[in-house]
Amino acid sequence: MVWSATPEVHRGVQILTLTGELDLAVVDELGRVLDEALARAGHGLVVDLIGVSFCDSSCLHALLRTARRAHSEGLGFGLVAVSPAIVRPVTVLNLTQALPISASINDAVARVRRG
């Protein structure tokens, strides 16, 4: 599996752009990358999943753990996604409150900054 993670900061919010396929083979490394991104989060963390073509339940759970940790630390958290591969499972599993989805980085950053 080929995947990548690219961190950057946008308006004081840590952005982590993920690409490729996210599955059980990469979940441990994904968890580490999410932890590092959250540790650098100023106002919060936005995970950009626009370039992700597949995300299995183990990686969805890693995102959920990170969202819960962000919330417990008083930080905002959000996802950027438009693909049914991401949007459908989050919606079907009724996780939209814990994993709020925006269609653009600007929208997600604005949501995270609002708290």
PDB file of N, CA and C in Angstrom:
ATOM      1  N   MET A   1       0.834  -1.185   0.000  1.00  0.00           N
ATOM      2  CA  MET A   1       0.000   0.000   0.000  1.00  0.00           C
ATOM      3  C   MET A   1       0.879   1.249   0.000  1.00  0.00           C
ATOM      4  N   VAL A   2       0.503   2.175  -0.818  1.00  0.00           N
ATOM      5  CA  VAL A   2       1.216   3.435  -0.847  1.00  0.00           C
ATOM      6  C   VAL A   2       0.300   4.512  -0.278  1.00  0.00           C
ATOM      7  N   TRP A   3       0.811   5.214   0.714  1.00  0.00           N
ATOM      8  CA  TRP A   3       0.075   6.331   1.276  1.00  0.00           C
ATOM      9  C   TRP A   3       1.093   7.373   1.725  1.00  0.00           C
ATOM     10  N   SER A   4       0.625   8.577   1.928  1.00  0.00           N
ATOM     11  CA  SER A   4       1.525   9.622   2.391  1.00  0.00           C
ATOM     12  C   SER A   4       0.788  10.566   3.325  1.00  0.00           C
ATOM     13  N   ALA A   5       1.563  11.287   4.135  1.00  0.00           N
ATOM     14  CA  ALA A   5       1.029  12.278   5.064  1.00  0.00           C
ATOM     15  C   ALA A   5       1.897  13.518   4.978  1.00  0.00           C
ATOM     16  N   THR A   6       1.263  14.658   4.743  1.00  0.00           N
ATOM     17  CA  THR A   6       1.983  15.915   4.618  1.00  0.00           C
ATOM     18  C   THR A   6       1.391  16.929   5.589  1.00  0.00           C
ATOM     19  N   PRO A   7       2.184  17.381   6.577  1.00  0.00           N
ATOM     20  CA  PRO A   7       1.684  18.380   7.523  1.00  0.00           C
ATOM     21  C   PRO A   7       1.957  19.802   7.034  1.00  0.00           C
ATOM     22  N   GLU A   8       1.091  20.728   7.413  1.00  0.00           N
ATOM     23  CA  GLU A   8       1.294  22.156   7.183  1.00  0.00           C
ATOM     24  C   GLU A   8       0.406  22.909   8.162  1.00  0.00           C
ATOM     25  N   VAL A   9       0.583  24.200   8.242  1.00  0.00           N
ATOM     26  CA  VAL A   9      -0.234  25.022   9.131  1.00  0.00           C
ATOM     27  C   VAL A   9      -0.993  26.030   8.282  1.00  0.00           C
ATOM     28  N   HIS A  10      -2.274  26.181   8.577  1.00  0.00           N
ATOM     29  CA  HIS A  10      -3.130  27.124   7.850  1.00  0.00           C
ATOM     30  C   HIS A  10      -3.939  27.918   8.875  1.00  0.00           C
ATOM     31  N   ARG A  11      -3.674  29.227   8.962  1.00  0.00           N
ATOM     32  CA  ARG A  11      -4.389  30.101   9.901  1.00  0.00           C
ATOM     33  C   ARG A  11      -4.349  29.571  11.338  1.00  0.00           C
ATOM     34  N   GLY A  12      -3.194  29.060  11.752  1.00  0.00           N
ATOM     35  CA  GLY A  12      -3.019  28.592  13.125  1.00  0.00           C
ATOM     36  C   GLY A  12      -3.557  27.206  13.407  1.00  0.00           C
ATOM     37  N   VAL A  13      -4.033  26.522  12.369  1.00  0.00           N
ATOM     38  CA  VAL A  13      -4.576  25.171  12.519  1.00  0.00           C
ATOM     39  C   VAL A  13      -3.643  24.198  11.792  1.00  0.00           C
ATOM     40  N   GLN A  14      -3.314  23.099  12.457  1.00  0.00           N
ATOM     41  CA  GLN A  14      -2.487  22.059  11.841  1.00  0.00           C
ATOM     42  C   GLN A  14      -3.324  21.315  10.802  1.00  0.00           C
ATOM     43  N   ILE A  15      -2.817  21.238   9.582  1.00  0.00           N
ATOM     44  CA  ILE A  15      -3.473  20.481   8.508  1.00  0.00           C
ATOM     45  C   ILE A  15      -2.606  19.259   8.228  1.00  0.00           C
ATOM     46  N   LEU A  16      -3.221  18.095   8.202  1.00  0.00           N
ATOM     47  CA  LEU A  16      -2.525  16.871   7.839  1.00  0.00           C
ATOM     48  C   LEU A  16      -3.201  16.322   6.592  1.00  0.00           C
ATOM     49  N   THR A  17      -2.497  16.402   5.468  1.00  0.00           N
ATOM     50  CA  THR A  17      -3.043  15.921   4.205  1.00  0.00           C
ATOM     51  C   THR A  17      -2.606  14.479   3.995  1.00  0.00           C
ATOM     52  N   LEU A  18      -3.594  13.598   3.892  1.00  0.00           N
ATOM     53  CA  LEU A  18      -3.337  12.176   3.668  1.00  0.00           C
ATOM     54  C   LEU A  18      -3.734  11.814   2.245  1.00  0.00           C
ATOM     55  N   THR A  19      -2.971  10.920   1.626  1.00  0.00           N
ATOM     56  CA  THR A  19      -3.302  10.425   0.293  1.00  0.00           C
ATOM     57  C   THR A  19      -3.093   8.918   0.258  1.00  0.00           C
ATOM     58  N   GLY A  20      -3.765   8.284  -0.684  1.00  0.00           N
ATOM     59  CA  GLY A  20      -3.589   6.843  -0.889  1.00  0.00           C
ATOM     60  C   GLY A  20      -4.669   6.024  -0.234  1.00  0.00           C
ATOM     61  N   GLU A  21      -4.309   4.797   0.122  1.00  0.00           N
ATOM     62  CA  GLU A  21      -5.245   3.860   0.744  1.00  0.00           C
ATOM     63  C   GLU A  21      -4.873   3.665   2.208  1.00  0.00           C
ATOM     64  N   LEU A  22      -5.875   3.791   3.069  1.00  0.00           N
ATOM     65  CA  LEU A  22      -5.661   3.644   4.509  1.00  0.00           C
ATOM     66  C   LEU A  22      -6.339   2.361   4.962  1.00  0.00           C
ATOM     67  N   ASP A  23      -5.527   1.399   5.385  1.00  0.00           N
ATOM     68  CA  ASP A  23      -6.078   0.121   5.842  1.00  0.00           C
ATOM     69  C   ASP A  23      -5.252  -0.426   6.995  1.00  0.00           C
ATOM     70  N   LEU A  24      -5.564  -1.623   7.411  1.00  0.00           N
ATOM     71  CA  LEU A  24      -4.921  -2.244   8.565  1.00  0.00           C
ATOM     72  C   LEU A  24      -3.398  -2.267   8.447  1.00  0.00           C
ATOM     73  N   ALA A  25      -2.882  -2.367   7.242  1.00  0.00           N
ATOM     74  CA  ALA A  25      -1.430  -2.427   7.054  1.00  0.00           C
ATOM     75  C   ALA A  25      -0.736  -1.129   7.457  1.00  0.00           C
ATOM     76  N   VAL A  26      -1.461  -0.016   7.473  1.00  0.00           N
ATOM     77  CA  VAL A  26      -0.833   1.275   7.777  1.00  0.00           C
ATOM     78  C   VAL A  26      -1.367   1.920   9.054  1.00  0.00           C
ATOM     79  N   VAL A  27      -2.305   1.249   9.747  1.00  0.00           N
ATOM     80  CA  VAL A  27      -2.986   1.895  10.875  1.00  0.00           C
ATOM     81  C   VAL A  27      -2.042   2.302  11.998  1.00  0.00           C
ATOM     82  N   ASP A  28      -1.026   1.512  12.299  1.00  0.00           N
ATOM     83  CA  ASP A  28      -0.104   1.878  13.378  1.00  0.00           C
ATOM     84  C   ASP A  28       0.680   3.142  13.026  1.00  0.00           C
ATOM     85  N   GLU A  29       1.187   3.183  11.805  1.00  0.00           N
ATOM     86  CA  GLU A  29       1.916   4.377  11.367  1.00  0.00           C
ATOM     87  C   GLU A  29       0.973   5.579  11.268  1.00  0.00           C
ATOM     88  N   LEU A  30      -0.246   5.362  10.799  1.00  0.00           N
ATOM     89  CA  LEU A  30      -1.227   6.441  10.740  1.00  0.00           C
ATOM     90  C   LEU A  30      -1.480   6.996  12.130  1.00  0.00           C
ATOM     91  N   GLY A  31      -1.644   6.134  13.116  1.00  0.00           N
ATOM     92  CA  GLY A  31      -1.855   6.584  14.488  1.00  0.00           C
ATOM     93  C   GLY A  31      -0.711   7.437  14.988  1.00  0.00           C
ATOM     94  N   ARG A  32       0.504   7.043  14.675  1.00  0.00           N
ATOM     95  CA  ARG A  32       1.683   7.816  15.076  1.00  0.00           C
ATOM     96  C   ARG A  32       1.681   9.189  14.403  1.00  0.00           C
ATOM     97  N   VAL A  33       1.374   9.226  13.116  1.00  0.00           N
ATOM     98  CA  VAL A  33       1.352  10.484  12.367  1.00  0.00           C
ATOM     99  C   VAL A  33       0.249  11.403  12.902  1.00  0.00           C
ATOM    100  N   LEU A  34      -0.910  10.839  13.215  1.00  0.00           N
ATOM    101  CA  LEU A  34      -1.998  11.642  13.784  1.00  0.00           C
ATOM    102  C   LEU A  34      -1.610  12.192  15.152  1.00  0.00           C
ATOM    103  N   ASP A  35      -0.966  11.376  15.983  1.00  0.00           N
ATOM    104  CA  ASP A  35      -0.513  11.833  17.300  1.00  0.00           C
ATOM    105  C   ASP A  35       0.472  12.994  17.167  1.00  0.00           C
ATOM    106  N   GLU A  36       1.414  12.866  16.231  1.00  0.00           N
ATOM    107  CA  GLU A  36       2.398  13.934  16.018  1.00  0.00           C
ATOM    108  C   GLU A  36       1.719  15.212  15.546  1.00  0.00           C
ATOM    109  N   ALA A  37       0.758  15.079  14.640  1.00  0.00           N
ATOM    110  CA  ALA A  37       0.050  16.256  14.129  1.00  0.00           C
ATOM    111  C   ALA A  37      -0.745  16.928  15.249  1.00  0.00           C
ATOM    112  N   LEU A  38      -1.389  16.136  16.084  1.00  0.00           N
ATOM    113  CA  LEU A  38      -2.165  16.700  17.184  1.00  0.00           C
ATOM    114  C   LEU A  38      -1.254  17.406  18.187  1.00  0.00           C
ATOM    115  N   ALA A  39      -0.066  16.873  18.400  1.00  0.00           N
ATOM    116  CA  ALA A  39       0.886  17.497  19.324  1.00  0.00           C
ATOM    117  C   ALA A  39       1.328  18.870  18.820  1.00  0.00           C
ATOM    118  N   ARG A  40       1.289  19.081  17.504  1.00  0.00           N
ATOM    119  CA  ARG A  40       1.687  20.364  16.917  1.00  0.00           C
ATOM    120  C   ARG A  40       0.496  21.287  16.668  1.00  0.00           C
ATOM    121  N   ALA A  41      -0.692  20.822  16.989  1.00  0.00           N
ATOM    122  CA  ALA A  41      -1.900  21.592  16.686  1.00  0.00           C
ATOM    123  C   ALA A  41      -1.963  22.857  17.526  1.00  0.00           C
ATOM    124  N   GLY A  42      -2.159  23.978  16.866  1.00  0.00           N
ATOM    125  CA  GLY A  42      -2.340  25.237  17.577  1.00  0.00           C
ATOM    126  C   GLY A  42      -3.773  25.347  18.048  1.00  0.00           C
ATOM    127  N   HIS A  43      -4.641  25.743  17.138  1.00  0.00           N
ATOM    128  CA  HIS A  43      -6.068  25.847  17.447  1.00  0.00           C
ATOM    129  C   HIS A  43      -6.789  24.524  17.250  1.00  0.00           C
ATOM    130  N   GLY A  44      -6.149  23.599  16.561  1.00  0.00           N
ATOM    131  CA  GLY A  44      -6.784  22.316  16.312  1.00  0.00           C
ATOM    132  C   GLY A  44      -6.144  21.600  15.144  1.00  0.00           C
ATOM    133  N   LEU A  45      -6.793  20.524  14.724  1.00  0.00           N
ATOM    134  CA  LEU A  45      -6.275  19.664  13.667  1.00  0.00           C
ATOM    135  C   LEU A  45      -7.357  19.407  12.628  1.00  0.00           C
ATOM    136  N   VAL A  46      -6.976  19.589  11.370  1.00  0.00           N
ATOM    137  CA  VAL A  46      -7.833  19.226  10.246  1.00  0.00           C
ATOM    138  C   VAL A  46      -7.099  18.148   9.456  1.00  0.00           C
ATOM    139  N   VAL A  47      -7.775  17.044   9.204  1.00  0.00           N
ATOM    140  CA  VAL A  47      -7.209  15.961   8.405  1.00  0.00           C
ATOM    141  C   VAL A  47      -7.865  16.006   7.033  1.00  0.00           C
ATOM    142  N   ASP A  48      -7.048  16.309   6.031  1.00  0.00           N
ATOM    143  CA  ASP A  48      -7.513  16.417   4.652  1.00  0.00           C
ATOM    144  C   ASP A  48      -7.450  15.033   4.008  1.00  0.00           C
ATOM    145  N   LEU A  49      -8.625  14.488   3.716  1.00  0.00           N
ATOM    146  CA  LEU A  49      -8.733  13.142   3.138  1.00  0.00           C
ATOM    147  C   LEU A  49      -9.158  13.159   1.675  1.00  0.00           C
ATOM    148  N   ILE A  50      -9.073  14.327   1.021  1.00  0.00           N
ATOM    149  CA  ILE A  50      -9.497  14.441  -0.378  1.00  0.00           C
ATOM    150  C   ILE A  50      -8.762  13.428  -1.255  1.00  0.00           C
ATOM    151  N   GLY A  51      -7.477  13.195  -0.982  1.00  0.00           N
ATOM    152  CA  GLY A  51      -6.677  12.282  -1.796  1.00  0.00           C
ATOM    153  C   GLY A  51      -6.695  10.839  -1.336  1.00  0.00           C
ATOM    154  N   VAL A  52      -7.582  10.500  -0.408  1.00  0.00           N
ATOM    155  CA  VAL A  52      -7.670   9.121   0.098  1.00  0.00           C
ATOM    156  C   VAL A  52      -8.719   8.362  -0.714  1.00  0.00           C
ATOM    157  N   SER A  53      -8.320   7.240  -1.289  1.00  0.00           N
ATOM    158  CA  SER A  53      -9.234   6.458  -2.119  1.00  0.00           C
ATOM    159  C   SER A  53      -9.929   5.333  -1.350  1.00  0.00           C
ATOM    160  N   PHE A  54      -9.392   4.984  -0.170  1.00  0.00           N
ATOM    161  CA  PHE A  54      -9.971   3.908   0.630  1.00  0.00           C
ATOM    162  C   PHE A  54      -9.595   4.132   2.090  1.00  0.00           C
ATOM    163  N   CYS A  55     -10.544   3.899   2.981  1.00  0.00           N
ATOM    164  CA  CYS A  55     -10.282   4.011   4.418  1.00  0.00           C
ATOM    165  C   CYS A  55     -11.085   2.926   5.115  1.00  0.00           C
ATOM    166  N   ASP A  56     -10.390   1.950   5.695  1.00  0.00           N
ATOM    167  CA  ASP A  56     -11.100   0.862   6.363  1.00  0.00           C
ATOM    168  C   ASP A  56     -11.460   1.242   7.797  1.00  0.00           C
ATOM    169  N   SER A  57     -12.143   0.345   8.473  1.00  0.00           N
ATOM    170  CA  SER A  57     -12.646   0.639   9.815  1.00  0.00           C
ATOM    171  C   SER A  57     -11.523   0.863  10.819  1.00  0.00           C
ATOM    172  N   SER A  58     -10.378   0.201  10.644  1.00  0.00           N
ATOM    173  CA  SER A  58      -9.275   0.406  11.593  1.00  0.00           C
ATOM    174  C   SER A  58      -8.742   1.835  11.511  1.00  0.00           C
ATOM    175  N   CYS A  59      -8.654   2.369  10.320  1.00  0.00           N
ATOM    176  CA  CYS A  59      -8.161   3.741  10.158  1.00  0.00           C
ATOM    177  C   CYS A  59      -9.237   4.754  10.531  1.00  0.00           C
ATOM    178  N   LEU A  60     -10.492   4.421  10.289  1.00  0.00           N
ATOM    179  CA  LEU A  60     -11.585   5.275  10.741  1.00  0.00           C
ATOM    180  C   LEU A  60     -11.558   5.362  12.271  1.00  0.00           C
ATOM    181  N   HIS A  61     -11.271   4.243  12.918  1.00  0.00           N
ATOM    182  CA  HIS A  61     -11.162   4.220  14.374  1.00  0.00           C
ATOM    183  C   HIS A  61      -9.976   5.072  14.848  1.00  0.00           C
ATOM    184  N   ALA A  62      -8.863   5.049  14.123  1.00  0.00           N
ATOM    185  CA  ALA A  62      -7.705   5.883  14.471  1.00  0.00           C
ATOM    186  C   ALA A  62      -8.077   7.364  14.385  1.00  0.00           C
ATOM    187  N   LEU A  63      -8.855   7.733  13.380  1.00  0.00           N
ATOM    188  CA  LEU A  63      -9.316   9.119  13.254  1.00  0.00           C
ATOM    189  C   LEU A  63     -10.242   9.476  14.414  1.00  0.00           C
ATOM    190  N   LEU A  64     -11.107   8.556  14.775  1.00  0.00           N
ATOM    191  CA  LEU A  64     -12.037   8.788  15.882  1.00  0.00           C
ATOM    192  C   LEU A  64     -11.286   8.950  17.214  1.00  0.00           C
ATOM    193  N   ARG A  65     -10.278   8.111  17.459  1.00  0.00           N
ATOM    194  CA  ARG A  65      -9.455   8.249  18.667  1.00  0.00           C
ATOM    195  C   ARG A  65      -8.779   9.616  18.719  1.00  0.00           C
ATOM    196  N   THR A  66      -8.270  10.067  17.575  1.00  0.00           N
ATOM    197  CA  THR A  66      -7.604  11.363  17.522  1.00  0.00           C
ATOM    198  C   THR A  66      -8.606  12.486  17.769  1.00  0.00           C
ATOM    199  N   ALA A  67      -9.786  12.375  17.204  1.00  0.00           N
ATOM    200  CA  ALA A  67     -10.824  13.391  17.420  1.00  0.00           C
ATOM    201  C   ALA A  67     -11.198  13.470  18.892  1.00  0.00           C
ATOM    202  N   ARG A  68     -11.346  12.330  19.530  1.00  0.00           N
ATOM    203  CA  ARG A  68     -11.699  12.310  20.961  1.00  0.00           C
ATOM    204  C   ARG A  68     -10.583  12.912  21.804  1.00  0.00           C
ATOM    205  N   ARG A  69      -9.338  12.597  21.444  1.00  0.00           N
ATOM    206  CA  ARG A  69      -8.207  13.154  22.184  1.00  0.00           C
ATOM    207  C   ARG A  69      -8.141  14.674  21.996  1.00  0.00           C
ATOM    208  N   ALA A  70      -8.364  15.141  20.772  1.00  0.00           N
ATOM    209  CA  ALA A  70      -8.371  16.585  20.509  1.00  0.00           C
ATOM    210  C   ALA A  70      -9.433  17.257  21.370  1.00  0.00           C
ATOM    211  N   HIS A  71     -10.617  16.678  21.385  1.00  0.00           N
ATOM    212  CA  HIS A  71     -11.714  17.241  22.169  1.00  0.00           C
ATOM    213  C   HIS A  71     -11.346  17.290  23.651  1.00  0.00           C
ATOM    214  N   SER A  72     -10.741  16.215  24.167  1.00  0.00           N
ATOM    215  CA  SER A  72     -10.383  16.175  25.593  1.00  0.00           C
ATOM    216  C   SER A  72      -9.299  17.194  25.929  1.00  0.00           C
ATOM    217  N   GLU A  73      -8.508  17.584  24.927  1.00  0.00           N
ATOM    218  CA  GLU A  73      -7.461  18.583  25.133  1.00  0.00           C
ATOM    219  C   GLU A  73      -7.940  19.997  24.804  1.00  0.00           C
ATOM    220  N   GLY A  74      -9.234  20.135  24.489  1.00  0.00           N
ATOM    221  CA  GLY A  74      -9.792  21.446  24.180  1.00  0.00           C
ATOM    222  C   GLY A  74      -9.432  21.962  22.804  1.00  0.00           C
ATOM    223  N   LEU A  75      -9.078  21.066  21.899  1.00  0.00           N
ATOM    224  CA  LEU A  75      -8.705  21.444  20.541  1.00  0.00           C
ATOM    225  C   LEU A  75      -9.810  21.072  19.567  1.00  0.00           C
ATOM    226  N   GLY A  76      -9.913  21.846  18.500  1.00  0.00           N
ATOM    227  CA  GLY A  76     -10.869  21.523  17.446  1.00  0.00           C
ATOM    228  C   GLY A  76     -10.343  20.407  16.565  1.00  0.00           C
ATOM    229  N   PHE A  77     -11.254  19.729  15.889  1.00  0.00           N
ATOM    230  CA  PHE A  77     -10.890  18.631  14.995  1.00  0.00           C
ATOM    231  C   PHE A  77     -11.887  18.587  13.859  1.00  0.00           C
ATOM    232  N   GLY A  78     -11.412  18.316  12.657  1.00  0.00           N
ATOM    233  CA  GLY A  78     -12.309  18.177  11.525  1.00  0.00           C
ATOM    234  C   GLY A  78     -11.649  17.421  10.390  1.00  0.00           C
ATOM    235  N   LEU A  79     -12.490  16.947   9.491  1.00  0.00           N
ATOM    236  CA  LEU A  79     -12.036  16.242   8.299  1.00  0.00           C
ATOM    237  C   LEU A  79     -12.424  17.043   7.066  1.00  0.00           C
ATOM    238  N   VAL A  80     -11.648  16.889   6.021  1.00  0.00           N
ATOM    239  CA  VAL A  80     -12.007  17.411   4.703  1.00  0.00           C
ATOM    240  C   VAL A  80     -12.153  16.189   3.809  1.00  0.00           C
ATOM    241  N   ALA A  81     -13.356  16.015   3.265  1.00  0.00           N
ATOM    242  CA  ALA A  81     -13.605  14.847   2.419  1.00  0.00           C
ATOM    243  C   ALA A  81     -14.807  15.102   1.526  1.00  0.00           C
ATOM    244  N   VAL A  82     -14.765  14.551   0.329  1.00  0.00           N
ATOM    245  CA  VAL A  82     -15.907  14.588  -0.577  1.00  0.00           C
ATOM    246  C   VAL A  82     -16.201  13.204  -1.152  1.00  0.00           C
ATOM    247  N   SER A  83     -15.244  12.301  -1.044  1.00  0.00           N
ATOM    248  CA  SER A  83     -15.384  10.963  -1.605  1.00  0.00           C
ATOM    249  C   SER A  83     -16.356  10.111  -0.793  1.00  0.00           C
ATOM    250  N   PRO A  84     -17.215   9.366  -1.477  1.00  0.00           N
ATOM    251  CA  PRO A  84     -18.090   8.438  -0.760  1.00  0.00           C
ATOM    252  C   PRO A  84     -17.312   7.420   0.087  1.00  0.00           C
ATOM    253  N   ALA A  85     -16.065   7.137  -0.272  1.00  0.00           N
ATOM    254  CA  ALA A  85     -15.249   6.194   0.497  1.00  0.00           C
ATOM    255  C   ALA A  85     -15.038   6.683   1.930  1.00  0.00           C
ATOM    256  N   ILE A  86     -15.111   7.982   2.126  1.00  0.00           N
ATOM    257  CA  ILE A  86     -14.952   8.563   3.464  1.00  0.00           C
ATOM    258  C   ILE A  86     -16.299   9.016   4.016  1.00  0.00           C
ATOM    259  N   VAL A  87     -17.021   9.776   3.226  1.00  0.00           N
ATOM    260  CA  VAL A  87     -18.269  10.394   3.690  1.00  0.00           C
ATOM    261  C   VAL A  87     -19.314   9.343   4.061  1.00  0.00           C
ATOM    262  N   ARG A  88     -19.463   8.311   3.249  1.00  0.00           N
ATOM    263  CA  ARG A  88     -20.499   7.300   3.493  1.00  0.00           C
ATOM    264  C   ARG A  88     -20.334   6.594   4.838  1.00  0.00           C
ATOM    265  N   PRO A  89     -19.154   6.018   5.146  1.00  0.00           N
ATOM    266  CA  PRO A  89     -19.063   5.321   6.444  1.00  0.00           C
ATOM    267  C   PRO A  89     -19.238   6.263   7.635  1.00  0.00           C
ATOM    268  N   VAL A  90     -18.730   7.474   7.547  1.00  0.00           N
ATOM    269  CA  VAL A  90     -18.887   8.421   8.658  1.00  0.00           C
ATOM    270  C   VAL A  90     -20.366   8.743   8.864  1.00  0.00           C
ATOM    271  N   THR A  91     -21.080   8.909   7.764  1.00  0.00           N
ATOM    272  CA  THR A  91     -22.509   9.230   7.845  1.00  0.00           C
ATOM    273  C   THR A  91     -23.328   8.028   8.303  1.00  0.00           C
ATOM    274  N   VAL A  92     -23.094   6.869   7.696  1.00  0.00           N
ATOM    275  CA  VAL A  92     -23.855   5.665   8.023  1.00  0.00           C
ATOM    276  C   VAL A  92     -23.655   5.259   9.482  1.00  0.00           C
ATOM    277  N   LEU A  93     -22.437   5.434   9.987  1.00  0.00           N
ATOM    278  CA  LEU A  93     -22.139   5.075  11.373  1.00  0.00           C
ATOM    279  C   LEU A  93     -22.502   6.190  12.358  1.00  0.00           C
ATOM    280  N   ASN A  94     -23.101   7.254  11.845  1.00  0.00           N
ATOM    281  CA  ASN A  94     -23.552   8.382  12.664  1.00  0.00           C
ATOM    282  C   ASN A  94     -22.405   8.991  13.475  1.00  0.00           C
ATOM    283  N   LEU A  95     -21.270   9.202  12.792  1.00  0.00           N
ATOM    284  CA  LEU A  95     -20.086   9.764  13.438  1.00  0.00           C
ATOM    285  C   LEU A  95     -19.844  11.215  13.048  1.00  0.00           C
ATOM    286  N   THR A  96     -20.808  11.855  12.413  1.00  0.00           N
ATOM    287  CA  THR A  96     -20.586  13.204  11.897  1.00  0.00           C
ATOM    288  C   THR A  96     -20.359  14.242  12.996  1.00  0.00           C
ATOM    289  N   GLN A  97     -20.853  13.998  14.186  1.00  0.00           N
ATOM    290  CA  GLN A  97     -20.588  14.950  15.268  1.00  0.00           C
ATOM    291  C   GLN A  97     -19.149  14.798  15.759  1.00  0.00           C
ATOM    292  N   ALA A  98     -18.686  13.577  15.910  1.00  0.00           N
ATOM    293  CA  ALA A  98     -17.316  13.331  16.364  1.00  0.00           C
ATOM    294  C   ALA A  98     -16.303  13.588  15.257  1.00  0.00           C
ATOM    295  N   LEU A  99     -16.694  13.300  14.014  1.00  0.00           N
ATOM    296  CA  LEU A  99     -15.822  13.477  12.856  1.00  0.00           C
ATOM    297  C   LEU A  99     -16.504  14.427  11.861  1.00  0.00           C
ATOM    298  N   PRO A 100     -16.561  15.719  12.197  1.00  0.00           N
ATOM    299  CA  PRO A 100     -17.241  16.658  11.298  1.00  0.00           C
ATOM    300  C   PRO A 100     -16.517  16.765   9.958  1.00  0.00           C
ATOM    301  N   ILE A 101     -17.289  16.689   8.884  1.00  0.00           N
ATOM    302  CA  ILE A 101     -16.732  16.710   7.535  1.00  0.00           C
ATOM    303  C   ILE A 101     -17.061  18.027   6.860  1.00  0.00           C
ATOM    304  N   SER A 102     -16.034  18.617   6.252  1.00  0.00           N
ATOM    305  CA  SER A 102     -16.190  19.808   5.427  1.00  0.00           C
ATOM    306  C   SER A 102     -15.730  19.466   4.020  1.00  0.00           C
ATOM    307  N   ALA A 103     -16.169  20.269   3.051  1.00  0.00           N
ATOM    308  CA  ALA A 103     -15.800  20.013   1.657  1.00  0.00           C
ATOM    309  C   ALA A 103     -14.514  20.728   1.251  1.00  0.00           C
ATOM    310  N   SER A 104     -14.010  21.643   2.103  1.00  0.00           N
ATOM    311  CA  SER A 104     -12.777  22.355   1.768  1.00  0.00           C
ATOM    312  C   SER A 104     -11.957  22.619   3.028  1.00  0.00           C
ATOM    313  N   ILE A 105     -10.684  22.841   2.824  1.00  0.00           N
ATOM    314  CA  ILE A 105      -9.807  23.155   3.953  1.00  0.00           C
ATOM    315  C   ILE A 105     -10.242  24.448   4.624  1.00  0.00           C
ATOM    316  N   ASN A 106     -10.580  25.461   3.827  1.00  0.00           N
ATOM    317  CA  ASN A 106     -11.003  26.735   4.412  1.00  0.00           C
ATOM    318  C   ASN A 106     -12.219  26.567   5.312  1.00  0.00           C
ATOM    319  N   ASP A 107     -13.209  25.790   4.869  1.00  0.00           N
ATOM    320  CA  ASP A 107     -14.403  25.546   5.689  1.00  0.00           C
ATOM    321  C   ASP A 107     -14.046  24.793   6.966  1.00  0.00           C
ATOM    322  N   ALA A 108     -13.194  23.776   6.837  1.00  0.00           N
ATOM    323  CA  ALA A 108     -12.805  22.981   8.009  1.00  0.00           C
ATOM    324  C   ALA A 108     -12.017  23.825   9.008  1.00  0.00           C
ATOM    325  N   VAL A 109     -11.101  24.652   8.510  1.00  0.00           N
ATOM    326  CA  VAL A 109     -10.313  25.511   9.394  1.00  0.00           C
ATOM    327  C   VAL A 109     -11.230  26.497  10.114  1.00  0.00           C
ATOM    328  N   ALA A 110     -12.176  27.084   9.401  1.00  0.00           N
ATOM    329  CA  ALA A 110     -13.112  28.023  10.020  1.00  0.00           C
ATOM    330  C   ALA A 110     -13.912  27.328  11.120  1.00  0.00           C
ATOM    331  N   ARG A 111     -14.353  26.100  10.853  1.00  0.00           N
ATOM    332  CA  ARG A 111     -15.125  25.336  11.844  1.00  0.00           C
ATOM    333  C   ARG A 111     -14.275  25.016  13.088  1.00  0.00           C
ATOM    334  N   VAL A 112     -13.040  24.604  12.864  1.00  0.00           N
ATOM    335  CA  VAL A 112     -12.140  24.268  13.971  1.00  0.00           C
ATOM    336  C   VAL A 112     -11.832  25.510  14.811  1.00  0.00           C
ATOM    337  N   ARG A 113     -11.610  26.625  14.148  1.00  0.00           N
ATOM    338  CA  ARG A 113     -11.285  27.865  14.876  1.00  0.00           C
ATOM    339  C   ARG A 113     -12.469  28.376  15.694  1.00  0.00           C
ATOM    340  N   ARG A 114     -13.687  28.102  15.221  1.00  0.00           N
ATOM    341  CA  ARG A 114     -14.895  28.509  15.963  1.00  0.00           C
ATOM    342  C   ARG A 114     -15.084  27.655  17.215  1.00  0.00           C
ATOM    343  N   GLY A 115     -14.501  26.458  17.182  1.00  0.00           N
ATOM    344  CA  GLY A 115     -14.602  25.579  18.353  1.00  0.00           C
ATOM    345  C   GLY A 115     -15.766  24.706  18.210  1.00  0.00           C
TER     346      GLY A 115
END
